[in-house]
Amino acid sequence: MVCDLVLPCRDEAPALEGLLPEVPEGFRVIVADNGSRDATADVARRLGATVVLEDRPGYGAAVHAGLLMAKAELVAFMDGDGSFDPVELLPLVDDVRSGRADIAVGRRRPTKRGTWPWHARAGNALIVAWLRRRIGLPAHDIAPMRVCRRADLLALDVQDRRFGYPVEMLQKATQAGWRFTEHDVSYRPRAEGTKSKVSGSVRGTLRTARDFAKVLS
């Protein structure tokens, strides 16, 4: 096993049907089921993933539950909605495993018009620009795909359990002097039959922006 891959999920059964067979060899998949009302957990188990149930709502809660379940030295994180290609995790894993970086992150490049709604892209750009100016964040996205060492991430002690989790994580990693590498990654339309909890509406984006703002320092 090269790396544990944590997929925070809520009602992503249709996406997992297509996504899990794409995961390259060497990854142990951990699906962190965050209160799904569909067959997310059943599909994940049938396709060979380990499932951890996290009833406390929130992206950060699911991510942290998956992190605690992980056992490998390296751990990767990616949305479970089918919008990313898990094969593109391989260069990120190589960066951390080789010692070139403490954390390797993805920078989204939409594959089709409309994949990344304007309100979600604008909110992301604003947060990232603030972090780059304020603390010198050496990245251009909020790490929708990322790989780091499990022990190092636990030591950061990220506290947010909602959508502010990646922002707090990036802040703490930058302030701790972590070395970053960044790779362009394909951002695909999410799987048919699923709905975004963040970028699917202006309201969802505003709610996420509120979570981001709570952790900014």
N, C-alpha and C. Protein backbone atom coordinates (compact mmCIF):
# COMPACT_ATOMS: atom_id res chain seq x y z
N MET A 1 0.85 -1.21 0.00
CA MET A 1 0.00 0.00 0.00
C MET A 1 0.87 1.24 0.00
N VAL A 2 0.68 2.12 -0.96
CA VAL A 2 1.45 3.36 -1.07
C VAL A 2 0.84 4.46 -0.22
N CYS A 3 -0.50 4.54 -0.22
CA CYS A 3 -1.16 5.71 0.34
C CYS A 3 -2.61 5.37 0.66
N ASP A 4 -3.12 5.94 1.74
CA ASP A 4 -4.55 5.88 2.00
C ASP A 4 -5.22 7.06 1.30
N LEU A 5 -6.36 6.81 0.69
CA LEU A 5 -7.11 7.86 -0.01
C LEU A 5 -8.45 8.04 0.68
N VAL A 6 -8.65 9.22 1.27
CA VAL A 6 -9.89 9.53 1.98
C VAL A 6 -10.84 10.27 1.04
N LEU A 7 -12.04 9.74 0.92
CA LEU A 7 -13.09 10.37 0.11
C LEU A 7 -14.24 10.76 1.03
N PRO A 8 -14.36 12.04 1.40
CA PRO A 8 -15.53 12.47 2.18
C PRO A 8 -16.76 12.44 1.28
N CYS A 9 -17.80 11.79 1.73
CA CYS A 9 -18.98 11.59 0.87
C CYS A 9 -20.28 11.80 1.63
N ARG A 10 -21.24 12.34 0.93
CA ARG A 10 -22.62 12.35 1.41
C ARG A 10 -23.52 12.19 0.20
N ASP A 11 -24.23 11.11 0.12
CA ASP A 11 -25.12 10.81 -1.00
C ASP A 11 -24.37 10.80 -2.32
N GLU A 12 -23.30 10.01 -2.38
CA GLU A 12 -22.47 9.95 -3.59
C GLU A 12 -22.46 8.55 -4.20
N ALA A 13 -23.49 7.73 -3.92
CA ALA A 13 -23.50 6.37 -4.46
C ALA A 13 -23.33 6.32 -5.98
N PRO A 14 -24.04 7.15 -6.76
CA PRO A 14 -23.85 7.08 -8.21
C PRO A 14 -22.42 7.43 -8.64
N ALA A 15 -21.81 8.38 -7.94
CA ALA A 15 -20.44 8.77 -8.29
C ALA A 15 -19.44 7.67 -7.98
N LEU A 16 -19.61 7.02 -6.84
CA LEU A 16 -18.66 6.00 -6.44
C LEU A 16 -18.66 4.81 -7.40
N GLU A 17 -19.78 4.52 -8.01
CA GLU A 17 -19.84 3.42 -8.98
C GLU A 17 -18.81 3.60 -10.09
N GLY A 18 -18.62 4.83 -10.54
CA GLY A 18 -17.65 5.09 -11.59
C GLY A 18 -16.28 5.45 -11.08
N LEU A 19 -16.23 6.09 -9.91
CA LEU A 19 -14.96 6.61 -9.40
C LEU A 19 -14.06 5.53 -8.82
N LEU A 20 -14.59 4.66 -8.00
CA LEU A 20 -13.74 3.69 -7.30
C LEU A 20 -12.98 2.76 -8.25
N PRO A 21 -13.58 2.32 -9.37
CA PRO A 21 -12.79 1.50 -10.29
C PRO A 21 -11.64 2.27 -10.96
N GLU A 22 -11.66 3.61 -10.90
CA GLU A 22 -10.59 4.41 -11.49
C GLU A 22 -9.37 4.54 -10.58
N VAL A 23 -9.52 4.22 -9.31
CA VAL A 23 -8.42 4.43 -8.36
C VAL A 23 -7.27 3.49 -8.69
N PRO A 24 -6.05 4.02 -8.85
CA PRO A 24 -4.91 3.17 -9.21
C PRO A 24 -4.54 2.20 -8.09
N GLU A 25 -3.79 1.19 -8.46
CA GLU A 25 -3.27 0.26 -7.46
C GLU A 25 -2.35 1.02 -6.49
N GLY A 26 -2.29 0.52 -5.27
CA GLY A 26 -1.42 1.14 -4.28
C GLY A 26 -2.14 2.06 -3.32
N PHE A 27 -3.42 2.34 -3.59
CA PHE A 27 -4.22 3.16 -2.70
C PHE A 27 -5.22 2.28 -1.95
N ARG A 28 -5.36 2.51 -0.66
CA ARG A 28 -6.48 1.94 0.10
C ARG A 28 -7.51 3.05 0.25
N VAL A 29 -8.69 2.83 -0.26
CA VAL A 29 -9.72 3.87 -0.26
C VAL A 29 -10.52 3.80 1.04
N ILE A 30 -10.66 4.97 1.66
CA ILE A 30 -11.49 5.12 2.86
C ILE A 30 -12.62 6.09 2.52
N VAL A 31 -13.83 5.59 2.50
CA VAL A 31 -15.00 6.45 2.26
C VAL A 31 -15.53 6.90 3.61
N ALA A 32 -15.47 8.19 3.85
CA ALA A 32 -15.99 8.78 5.09
C ALA A 32 -17.42 9.23 4.81
N ASP A 33 -18.37 8.40 5.20
CA ASP A 33 -19.78 8.64 4.89
C ASP A 33 -20.36 9.60 5.92
N ASN A 34 -20.72 10.80 5.44
CA ASN A 34 -21.15 11.87 6.33
C ASN A 34 -22.68 11.99 6.35
N GLY A 35 -23.33 10.92 6.79
CA GLY A 35 -24.79 10.96 6.94
C GLY A 35 -25.55 10.73 5.66
N SER A 36 -25.05 9.91 4.77
CA SER A 36 -25.74 9.65 3.50
C SER A 36 -27.09 9.00 3.72
N ARG A 37 -28.03 9.37 2.86
CA ARG A 37 -29.35 8.75 2.89
C ARG A 37 -29.55 7.80 1.71
N ASP A 38 -28.50 7.66 0.89
CA ASP A 38 -28.58 6.73 -0.22
C ASP A 38 -27.67 5.53 0.08
N ALA A 39 -27.25 4.81 -0.96
CA ALA A 39 -26.48 3.58 -0.78
C ALA A 39 -24.97 3.81 -0.82
N THR A 40 -24.52 5.01 -0.45
CA THR A 40 -23.09 5.33 -0.51
C THR A 40 -22.25 4.27 0.19
N ALA A 41 -22.56 3.94 1.42
CA ALA A 41 -21.76 2.98 2.18
C ALA A 41 -21.79 1.59 1.55
N ASP A 42 -22.96 1.16 1.09
CA ASP A 42 -23.08 -0.16 0.47
C ASP A 42 -22.27 -0.25 -0.81
N VAL A 43 -22.35 0.78 -1.65
CA VAL A 43 -21.59 0.79 -2.90
C VAL A 43 -20.09 0.77 -2.60
N ALA A 44 -19.67 1.59 -1.63
CA ALA A 44 -18.26 1.65 -1.28
C ALA A 44 -17.73 0.30 -0.83
N ARG A 45 -18.47 -0.37 0.05
CA ARG A 45 -18.02 -1.68 0.54
C ARG A 45 -18.00 -2.71 -0.59
N ARG A 46 -19.01 -2.68 -1.43
CA ARG A 46 -19.07 -3.65 -2.54
C ARG A 46 -17.89 -3.50 -3.47
N LEU A 47 -17.40 -2.27 -3.63
CA LEU A 47 -16.28 -2.00 -4.54
C LEU A 47 -14.94 -2.01 -3.82
N GLY A 48 -14.91 -2.49 -2.57
CA GLY A 48 -13.65 -2.74 -1.90
C GLY A 48 -13.12 -1.65 -1.01
N ALA A 49 -13.88 -0.59 -0.79
CA ALA A 49 -13.42 0.50 0.07
C ALA A 49 -13.72 0.20 1.53
N THR A 50 -12.92 0.79 2.40
CA THR A 50 -13.20 0.80 3.83
C THR A 50 -14.16 1.96 4.11
N VAL A 51 -15.16 1.73 4.93
CA VAL A 51 -16.15 2.77 5.22
C VAL A 51 -16.06 3.17 6.68
N VAL A 52 -16.01 4.47 6.93
CA VAL A 52 -16.12 4.99 8.29
C VAL A 52 -17.34 5.92 8.30
N LEU A 53 -18.20 5.74 9.28
CA LEU A 53 -19.42 6.55 9.38
C LEU A 53 -19.17 7.72 10.32
N GLU A 54 -19.46 8.92 9.84
CA GLU A 54 -19.32 10.14 10.64
C GLU A 54 -20.65 10.86 10.62
N ASP A 55 -21.38 10.80 11.74
CA ASP A 55 -22.72 11.39 11.79
C ASP A 55 -22.69 12.91 11.97
N ARG A 56 -21.61 13.44 12.56
CA ARG A 56 -21.54 14.89 12.74
C ARG A 56 -21.42 15.54 11.37
N PRO A 57 -22.34 16.44 11.00
CA PRO A 57 -22.31 17.01 9.66
C PRO A 57 -21.12 17.94 9.45
N GLY A 58 -20.60 17.95 8.23
CA GLY A 58 -19.54 18.88 7.88
C GLY A 58 -18.40 18.20 7.15
N TYR A 59 -17.89 18.90 6.14
CA TYR A 59 -16.77 18.38 5.36
C TYR A 59 -15.57 18.05 6.26
N GLY A 60 -15.23 18.96 7.14
CA GLY A 60 -14.09 18.73 8.03
C GLY A 60 -14.29 17.55 8.94
N ALA A 61 -15.51 17.33 9.39
CA ALA A 61 -15.79 16.17 10.24
C ALA A 61 -15.53 14.87 9.49
N ALA A 62 -15.97 14.82 8.22
CA ALA A 62 -15.76 13.62 7.42
C ALA A 62 -14.29 13.41 7.12
N VAL A 63 -13.60 14.47 6.76
CA VAL A 63 -12.16 14.37 6.47
C VAL A 63 -11.40 13.88 7.69
N HIS A 64 -11.71 14.44 8.85
CA HIS A 64 -10.98 14.05 10.06
C HIS A 64 -11.27 12.59 10.43
N ALA A 65 -12.50 12.16 10.25
CA ALA A 65 -12.83 10.76 10.53
C ALA A 65 -12.03 9.83 9.62
N GLY A 66 -11.91 10.20 8.35
CA GLY A 66 -11.11 9.40 7.43
C GLY A 66 -9.65 9.41 7.79
N LEU A 67 -9.14 10.56 8.22
CA LEU A 67 -7.74 10.67 8.63
C LEU A 67 -7.45 9.76 9.82
N LEU A 68 -8.34 9.72 10.78
CA LEU A 68 -8.14 8.86 11.95
C LEU A 68 -8.18 7.38 11.57
N MET A 69 -8.94 7.03 10.54
CA MET A 69 -9.01 5.64 10.09
C MET A 69 -7.78 5.24 9.28
N ALA A 70 -7.09 6.22 8.70
CA ALA A 70 -5.93 5.93 7.85
C ALA A 70 -4.81 5.29 8.67
N LYS A 71 -4.02 4.45 7.98
CA LYS A 71 -2.90 3.77 8.62
C LYS A 71 -1.58 3.99 7.89
N ALA A 72 -1.64 4.32 6.61
CA ALA A 72 -0.43 4.49 5.82
C ALA A 72 0.31 5.76 6.22
N GLU A 73 1.59 5.81 5.91
CA GLU A 73 2.38 7.01 6.21
C GLU A 73 1.85 8.21 5.43
N LEU A 74 1.47 7.98 4.16
CA LEU A 74 0.95 9.05 3.32
C LEU A 74 -0.57 8.93 3.24
N VAL A 75 -1.22 10.09 3.19
CA VAL A 75 -2.67 10.10 3.07
C VAL A 75 -3.06 11.15 2.03
N ALA A 76 -4.01 10.78 1.17
CA ALA A 76 -4.51 11.67 0.12
C ALA A 76 -5.98 11.97 0.40
N PHE A 77 -6.42 13.12 -0.10
CA PHE A 77 -7.82 13.54 0.06
C PHE A 77 -8.34 14.03 -1.28
N MET A 78 -9.59 13.70 -1.56
CA MET A 78 -10.20 14.08 -2.83
C MET A 78 -11.71 13.96 -2.66
N ASP A 79 -12.47 14.83 -3.31
CA ASP A 79 -13.92 14.71 -3.26
C ASP A 79 -14.37 13.40 -3.90
N GLY A 80 -15.46 12.85 -3.39
CA GLY A 80 -15.97 11.58 -3.89
C GLY A 80 -17.09 11.71 -4.89
N ASP A 81 -17.20 12.87 -5.55
CA ASP A 81 -18.33 13.12 -6.45
C ASP A 81 -18.02 12.85 -7.92
N GLY A 82 -16.82 12.32 -8.20
CA GLY A 82 -16.46 12.02 -9.58
C GLY A 82 -15.87 13.18 -10.34
N SER A 83 -15.67 14.32 -9.69
CA SER A 83 -15.17 15.50 -10.40
C SER A 83 -13.65 15.48 -10.60
N PHE A 84 -12.96 14.56 -9.93
CA PHE A 84 -11.50 14.46 -10.09
C PHE A 84 -11.11 13.07 -10.55
N ASP A 85 -9.98 12.99 -11.25
CA ASP A 85 -9.44 11.73 -11.72
C ASP A 85 -8.40 11.26 -10.72
N PRO A 86 -8.63 10.14 -10.03
CA PRO A 86 -7.68 9.71 -9.00
C PRO A 86 -6.30 9.37 -9.54
N VAL A 87 -6.20 9.09 -10.83
CA VAL A 87 -4.88 8.83 -11.42
C VAL A 87 -3.98 10.06 -11.27
N GLU A 88 -4.58 11.25 -11.24
CA GLU A 88 -3.79 12.47 -11.12
C GLU A 88 -3.25 12.69 -9.71
N LEU A 89 -3.58 11.80 -8.79
CA LEU A 89 -2.96 11.84 -7.47
C LEU A 89 -1.52 11.33 -7.51
N LEU A 90 -1.18 10.53 -8.49
CA LEU A 90 0.13 9.87 -8.50
C LEU A 90 1.31 10.85 -8.47
N PRO A 91 1.31 11.94 -9.26
CA PRO A 91 2.43 12.89 -9.14
C PRO A 91 2.49 13.57 -7.78
N LEU A 92 1.34 13.77 -7.15
CA LEU A 92 1.32 14.38 -5.81
C LEU A 92 1.94 13.43 -4.79
N VAL A 93 1.56 12.17 -4.88
CA VAL A 93 2.14 11.17 -3.98
C VAL A 93 3.65 11.11 -4.16
N ASP A 94 4.10 11.13 -5.41
CA ASP A 94 5.53 11.05 -5.68
C ASP A 94 6.29 12.23 -5.09
N ASP A 95 5.70 13.42 -5.15
CA ASP A 95 6.36 14.61 -4.58
C ASP A 95 6.62 14.45 -3.09
N VAL A 96 5.61 13.94 -2.36
CA VAL A 96 5.75 13.81 -0.91
C VAL A 96 6.62 12.61 -0.56
N ARG A 97 6.42 11.51 -1.24
CA ARG A 97 7.19 10.30 -0.93
C ARG A 97 8.68 10.51 -1.21
N SER A 98 8.99 11.29 -2.24
CA SER A 98 10.39 11.52 -2.60
C SER A 98 11.07 12.55 -1.71
N GLY A 99 10.27 13.30 -0.93
CA GLY A 99 10.84 14.33 -0.08
C GLY A 99 10.91 15.70 -0.72
N ARG A 100 10.37 15.84 -1.93
CA ARG A 100 10.39 17.15 -2.59
C ARG A 100 9.41 18.12 -1.94
N ALA A 101 8.40 17.59 -1.26
CA ALA A 101 7.38 18.44 -0.66
C ALA A 101 6.86 17.82 0.62
N ASP A 102 6.35 18.67 1.50
CA ASP A 102 5.64 18.19 2.68
C ASP A 102 4.16 18.01 2.37
N ILE A 103 3.68 18.79 1.41
CA ILE A 103 2.30 18.65 0.94
C ILE A 103 2.27 18.96 -0.54
N ALA A 104 1.56 18.14 -1.29
CA ALA A 104 1.35 18.37 -2.72
C ALA A 104 -0.14 18.58 -2.94
N VAL A 105 -0.48 19.61 -3.70
CA VAL A 105 -1.89 19.99 -3.86
C VAL A 105 -2.24 20.13 -5.33
N GLY A 106 -3.53 20.04 -5.60
CA GLY A 106 -4.03 20.20 -6.96
C GLY A 106 -4.60 21.59 -7.18
N ARG A 107 -4.48 22.04 -8.42
CA ARG A 107 -5.07 23.31 -8.85
C ARG A 107 -6.07 22.99 -9.96
N ARG A 108 -7.34 23.27 -9.72
CA ARG A 108 -8.39 22.87 -10.65
C ARG A 108 -8.31 23.56 -12.01
N ARG A 109 -8.47 22.73 -13.05
CA ARG A 109 -8.57 23.21 -14.43
C ARG A 109 -9.83 22.57 -15.02
N PRO A 110 -10.93 23.33 -15.12
CA PRO A 110 -12.18 22.74 -15.61
C PRO A 110 -12.04 22.16 -17.00
N THR A 111 -12.66 21.00 -17.20
CA THR A 111 -12.60 20.34 -18.51
C THR A 111 -13.74 20.77 -19.42
N LYS A 112 -14.79 21.36 -18.84
CA LYS A 112 -15.93 21.82 -19.63
C LYS A 112 -16.46 23.13 -19.07
N ARG A 113 -17.02 23.95 -19.94
CA ARG A 113 -17.65 25.19 -19.48
C ARG A 113 -18.80 24.87 -18.55
N GLY A 114 -18.89 25.62 -17.45
CA GLY A 114 -19.96 25.43 -16.49
C GLY A 114 -19.65 24.44 -15.38
N THR A 115 -18.50 23.76 -15.50
CA THR A 115 -18.14 22.80 -14.45
C THR A 115 -17.92 23.50 -13.12
N TRP A 116 -17.32 24.69 -13.17
CA TRP A 116 -17.00 25.44 -11.96
C TRP A 116 -17.78 26.74 -12.01
N PRO A 117 -18.96 26.83 -11.36
CA PRO A 117 -19.81 28.02 -11.46
C PRO A 117 -19.06 29.29 -11.05
N TRP A 118 -19.46 30.40 -11.63
CA TRP A 118 -18.75 31.66 -11.42
C TRP A 118 -18.69 32.04 -9.94
N HIS A 119 -19.80 31.80 -9.20
CA HIS A 119 -19.83 32.24 -7.81
C HIS A 119 -18.86 31.42 -6.96
N ALA A 120 -18.75 30.12 -7.26
CA ALA A 120 -17.80 29.28 -6.52
C ALA A 120 -16.37 29.63 -6.88
N ARG A 121 -16.11 29.88 -8.16
CA ARG A 121 -14.75 30.23 -8.58
C ARG A 121 -14.33 31.58 -7.99
N ALA A 122 -15.25 32.54 -7.97
CA ALA A 122 -14.93 33.86 -7.42
C ALA A 122 -14.63 33.77 -5.93
N GLY A 123 -15.44 33.01 -5.20
CA GLY A 123 -15.20 32.87 -3.77
C GLY A 123 -13.87 32.22 -3.47
N ASN A 124 -13.55 31.19 -4.25
CA ASN A 124 -12.27 30.51 -4.08
C ASN A 124 -11.11 31.46 -4.36
N ALA A 125 -11.21 32.22 -5.44
CA ALA A 125 -10.13 33.15 -5.81
C ALA A 125 -9.91 34.21 -4.74
N LEU A 126 -11.00 34.69 -4.15
CA LEU A 126 -10.88 35.72 -3.12
C LEU A 126 -10.16 35.19 -1.89
N ILE A 127 -10.53 34.00 -1.44
CA ILE A 127 -9.90 33.41 -0.26
C ILE A 127 -8.43 33.14 -0.52
N VAL A 128 -8.12 32.55 -1.67
CA VAL A 128 -6.74 32.22 -1.99
C VAL A 128 -5.89 33.48 -2.11
N ALA A 129 -6.43 34.51 -2.76
CA ALA A 129 -5.68 35.76 -2.89
C ALA A 129 -5.37 36.36 -1.52
N TRP A 130 -6.32 36.30 -0.60
CA TRP A 130 -6.11 36.81 0.75
C TRP A 130 -5.00 36.04 1.44
N LEU A 131 -5.03 34.69 1.34
CA LEU A 131 -4.02 33.87 1.98
C LEU A 131 -2.64 34.08 1.36
N ARG A 132 -2.59 34.28 0.06
CA ARG A 132 -1.29 34.50 -0.60
C ARG A 132 -0.69 35.83 -0.15
N ARG A 133 -1.54 36.85 -0.02
CA ARG A 133 -1.05 38.17 0.42
C ARG A 133 -0.70 38.18 1.89
N ARG A 134 -1.54 37.58 2.72
CA ARG A 134 -1.41 37.70 4.16
C ARG A 134 -0.30 36.82 4.74
N ILE A 135 -0.25 35.56 4.28
CA ILE A 135 0.72 34.63 4.89
C ILE A 135 1.66 33.99 3.88
N GLY A 136 1.54 34.39 2.60
CA GLY A 136 2.44 33.84 1.59
C GLY A 136 2.11 32.42 1.17
N LEU A 137 0.82 32.06 1.17
CA LEU A 137 0.42 30.72 0.73
C LEU A 137 1.00 30.45 -0.67
N PRO A 138 1.78 29.38 -0.84
CA PRO A 138 2.39 29.10 -2.14
C PRO A 138 1.50 28.21 -3.01
N ALA A 139 0.22 28.52 -3.11
CA ALA A 139 -0.72 27.74 -3.91
C ALA A 139 -1.78 28.68 -4.46
N HIS A 140 -2.54 28.18 -5.45
CA HIS A 140 -3.53 29.01 -6.13
C HIS A 140 -4.94 28.45 -6.04
N ASP A 141 -5.15 27.45 -5.20
CA ASP A 141 -6.46 26.84 -5.01
C ASP A 141 -6.51 26.36 -3.56
N ILE A 142 -7.68 25.95 -3.10
CA ILE A 142 -7.79 25.53 -1.69
C ILE A 142 -7.59 24.02 -1.53
N ALA A 143 -6.70 23.48 -2.34
CA ALA A 143 -6.26 22.08 -2.21
C ALA A 143 -7.41 21.08 -2.28
N PRO A 144 -8.18 21.08 -3.38
CA PRO A 144 -9.27 20.11 -3.50
C PRO A 144 -8.75 18.67 -3.62
N MET A 145 -7.52 18.52 -4.13
CA MET A 145 -6.79 17.26 -4.07
C MET A 145 -5.50 17.55 -3.32
N ARG A 146 -5.12 16.67 -2.39
CA ARG A 146 -3.90 16.93 -1.63
C ARG A 146 -3.35 15.63 -1.06
N VAL A 147 -2.03 15.64 -0.88
CA VAL A 147 -1.33 14.49 -0.29
C VAL A 147 -0.32 15.01 0.71
N CYS A 148 -0.24 14.39 1.86
CA CYS A 148 0.76 14.75 2.86
C CYS A 148 1.00 13.55 3.76
N ARG A 149 1.87 13.71 4.73
CA ARG A 149 2.10 12.63 5.70
C ARG A 149 1.06 12.69 6.80
N ARG A 150 0.52 11.54 7.13
CA ARG A 150 -0.55 11.46 8.12
C ARG A 150 -0.13 12.07 9.45
N ALA A 151 1.05 11.71 9.94
CA ALA A 151 1.49 12.20 11.24
C ALA A 151 1.65 13.71 11.25
N ASP A 152 2.15 14.26 10.14
CA ASP A 152 2.32 15.72 10.06
C ASP A 152 0.98 16.43 10.09
N LEU A 153 0.00 15.88 9.38
CA LEU A 153 -1.32 16.52 9.35
C LEU A 153 -1.98 16.46 10.72
N LEU A 154 -1.87 15.35 11.40
CA LEU A 154 -2.43 15.27 12.75
C LEU A 154 -1.77 16.29 13.67
N ALA A 155 -0.47 16.50 13.49
CA ALA A 155 0.26 17.44 14.34
C ALA A 155 -0.18 18.88 14.10
N LEU A 156 -0.73 19.18 12.91
CA LEU A 156 -1.23 20.54 12.66
C LEU A 156 -2.43 20.87 13.54
N ASP A 157 -3.15 19.84 13.97
CA ASP A 157 -4.30 20.01 14.87
C ASP A 157 -5.36 20.93 14.26
N VAL A 158 -5.79 20.60 13.05
CA VAL A 158 -6.84 21.38 12.39
C VAL A 158 -8.16 21.16 13.13
N GLN A 159 -8.82 22.24 13.53
CA GLN A 159 -10.00 22.15 14.40
C GLN A 159 -11.33 22.29 13.68
N ASP A 160 -11.36 22.99 12.56
CA ASP A 160 -12.65 23.23 11.89
C ASP A 160 -13.24 21.91 11.40
N ARG A 161 -14.53 21.75 11.54
CA ARG A 161 -15.19 20.53 11.09
C ARG A 161 -16.23 20.80 10.02
N ARG A 162 -16.21 22.00 9.48
CA ARG A 162 -17.13 22.31 8.39
C ARG A 162 -16.31 22.60 7.13
N PHE A 163 -16.79 23.50 6.29
CA PHE A 163 -16.09 23.74 5.03
C PHE A 163 -14.85 24.60 5.19
N GLY A 164 -14.64 25.13 6.40
CA GLY A 164 -13.43 25.90 6.64
C GLY A 164 -12.19 25.04 6.82
N TYR A 165 -12.37 23.71 6.88
CA TYR A 165 -11.25 22.81 7.15
C TYR A 165 -10.06 23.03 6.20
N PRO A 166 -10.25 23.04 4.87
CA PRO A 166 -9.06 23.18 4.01
C PRO A 166 -8.36 24.52 4.16
N VAL A 167 -9.13 25.57 4.44
CA VAL A 167 -8.51 26.88 4.63
C VAL A 167 -7.66 26.90 5.89
N GLU A 168 -8.20 26.37 6.98
CA GLU A 168 -7.41 26.30 8.21
C GLU A 168 -6.17 25.43 8.02
N MET A 169 -6.34 24.32 7.32
CA MET A 169 -5.21 23.42 7.06
C MET A 169 -4.11 24.12 6.26
N LEU A 170 -4.49 24.85 5.21
CA LEU A 170 -3.51 25.56 4.40
C LEU A 170 -2.81 26.65 5.21
N GLN A 171 -3.58 27.37 6.02
CA GLN A 171 -2.97 28.39 6.87
C GLN A 171 -1.93 27.79 7.80
N LYS A 172 -2.31 26.73 8.50
CA LYS A 172 -1.40 26.14 9.48
C LYS A 172 -0.19 25.50 8.81
N ALA A 173 -0.39 24.88 7.66
CA ALA A 173 0.74 24.28 6.95
C ALA A 173 1.72 25.34 6.49
N THR A 174 1.19 26.46 5.97
CA THR A 174 2.07 27.55 5.53
C THR A 174 2.83 28.14 6.70
N GLN A 175 2.13 28.40 7.78
CA GLN A 175 2.76 29.00 8.95
C GLN A 175 3.77 28.06 9.61
N ALA A 176 3.59 26.74 9.41
CA ALA A 176 4.53 25.76 9.95
C ALA A 176 5.74 25.56 9.06
N GLY A 177 5.76 26.24 7.92
CA GLY A 177 6.91 26.15 7.02
C GLY A 177 6.90 24.94 6.11
N TRP A 178 5.74 24.33 5.90
CA TRP A 178 5.67 23.18 5.01
C TRP A 178 6.08 23.59 3.59
N ARG A 179 6.77 22.70 2.91
CA ARG A 179 7.12 22.90 1.51
C ARG A 179 5.99 22.38 0.62
N PHE A 180 5.51 23.26 -0.27
CA PHE A 180 4.39 22.93 -1.15
C PHE A 180 4.87 22.64 -2.57
N THR A 181 4.19 21.73 -3.24
CA THR A 181 4.21 21.66 -4.70
C THR A 181 2.75 21.69 -5.16
N GLU A 182 2.54 22.19 -6.37
CA GLU A 182 1.19 22.33 -6.89
C GLU A 182 1.15 21.80 -8.32
N HIS A 183 0.12 21.03 -8.63
CA HIS A 183 -0.06 20.46 -9.97
C HIS A 183 -1.44 20.82 -10.49
N ASP A 184 -1.53 21.12 -11.77
CA ASP A 184 -2.83 21.27 -12.40
C ASP A 184 -3.53 19.92 -12.42
N VAL A 185 -4.82 19.91 -12.07
CA VAL A 185 -5.61 18.68 -12.10
C VAL A 185 -6.92 18.95 -12.84
N SER A 186 -7.39 17.95 -13.54
CA SER A 186 -8.63 18.08 -14.30
C SER A 186 -9.82 18.19 -13.35
N TYR A 187 -10.69 19.14 -13.64
CA TYR A 187 -11.91 19.32 -12.85
C TYR A 187 -13.08 18.99 -13.76
N ARG A 188 -13.66 17.81 -13.56
CA ARG A 188 -14.68 17.28 -14.44
C ARG A 188 -16.08 17.59 -13.91
N PRO A 189 -17.09 17.52 -14.77
CA PRO A 189 -18.46 17.61 -14.25
C PRO A 189 -18.71 16.50 -13.25
N ARG A 190 -19.36 16.82 -12.15
CA ARG A 190 -19.63 15.80 -11.14
C ARG A 190 -20.54 14.73 -11.71
N ALA A 191 -20.54 13.57 -11.09
CA ALA A 191 -21.29 12.42 -11.61
C ALA A 191 -22.78 12.73 -11.69
N GLU A 192 -23.41 12.21 -12.73
CA GLU A 192 -24.85 12.36 -12.90
C GLU A 192 -25.57 11.71 -11.72
N GLY A 193 -26.58 12.39 -11.23
CA GLY A 193 -27.35 11.86 -10.11
C GLY A 193 -26.87 12.33 -8.76
N THR A 194 -25.85 13.23 -8.75
CA THR A 194 -25.36 13.79 -7.49
C THR A 194 -25.49 15.29 -7.55
N LYS A 195 -25.43 15.92 -6.38
CA LYS A 195 -25.59 17.37 -6.30
C LYS A 195 -24.55 17.95 -5.38
N SER A 196 -23.93 19.06 -5.80
CA SER A 196 -22.90 19.70 -4.99
C SER A 196 -23.50 20.32 -3.74
N LYS A 197 -22.80 20.14 -2.61
CA LYS A 197 -23.21 20.79 -1.36
C LYS A 197 -22.62 22.18 -1.24
N VAL A 198 -21.66 22.51 -2.12
CA VAL A 198 -20.96 23.79 -2.05
C VAL A 198 -21.31 24.67 -3.23
N SER A 199 -20.93 24.24 -4.43
CA SER A 199 -21.02 25.12 -5.60
C SER A 199 -22.31 24.96 -6.38
N GLY A 200 -23.24 24.16 -5.89
CA GLY A 200 -24.46 23.94 -6.64
C GLY A 200 -25.41 25.13 -6.63
N SER A 201 -25.16 26.09 -5.75
CA SER A 201 -26.02 27.27 -5.68
C SER A 201 -25.24 28.43 -5.09
N VAL A 202 -25.74 29.65 -5.34
CA VAL A 202 -25.12 30.82 -4.73
C VAL A 202 -25.24 30.72 -3.20
N ARG A 203 -26.38 30.23 -2.73
CA ARG A 203 -26.57 30.08 -1.28
C ARG A 203 -25.52 29.14 -0.68
N GLY A 204 -25.27 28.02 -1.37
CA GLY A 204 -24.27 27.08 -0.88
C GLY A 204 -22.88 27.69 -0.85
N THR A 205 -22.56 28.47 -1.88
CA THR A 205 -21.25 29.14 -1.93
C THR A 205 -21.12 30.14 -0.80
N LEU A 206 -22.19 30.92 -0.53
CA LEU A 206 -22.13 31.90 0.55
C LEU A 206 -21.97 31.23 1.90
N ARG A 207 -22.63 30.10 2.09
CA ARG A 207 -22.50 29.36 3.34
C ARG A 207 -21.06 28.86 3.52
N THR A 208 -20.47 28.40 2.44
CA THR A 208 -19.08 27.94 2.49
C THR A 208 -18.14 29.11 2.76
N ALA A 209 -18.39 30.24 2.11
CA ALA A 209 -17.56 31.43 2.34
C ALA A 209 -17.62 31.86 3.80
N ARG A 210 -18.78 31.72 4.41
CA ARG A 210 -18.91 32.04 5.84
C ARG A 210 -18.02 31.12 6.68
N ASP A 211 -18.01 29.84 6.33
CA ASP A 211 -17.15 28.89 7.05
C ASP A 211 -15.67 29.24 6.84
N PHE A 212 -15.33 29.62 5.62
CA PHE A 212 -13.95 30.03 5.34
C PHE A 212 -13.55 31.21 6.22
N ALA A 213 -14.45 32.20 6.27
CA ALA A 213 -14.12 33.44 6.99
C ALA A 213 -13.89 33.18 8.47
N LYS A 214 -14.58 32.20 9.03
CA LYS A 214 -14.44 31.93 10.48
C LYS A 214 -13.04 31.47 10.86
N VAL A 215 -12.33 30.85 9.91
CA VAL A 215 -11.02 30.30 10.26
C VAL A 215 -9.86 31.19 9.80
N LEU A 216 -10.16 32.25 9.07
CA LEU A 216 -9.09 33.15 8.62
C LEU A 216 -8.57 33.96 9.78
N SER A 217 -7.25 34.09 9.86
CA SER A 217 -6.65 34.85 10.96
C SER A 217 -5.62 35.82 10.42
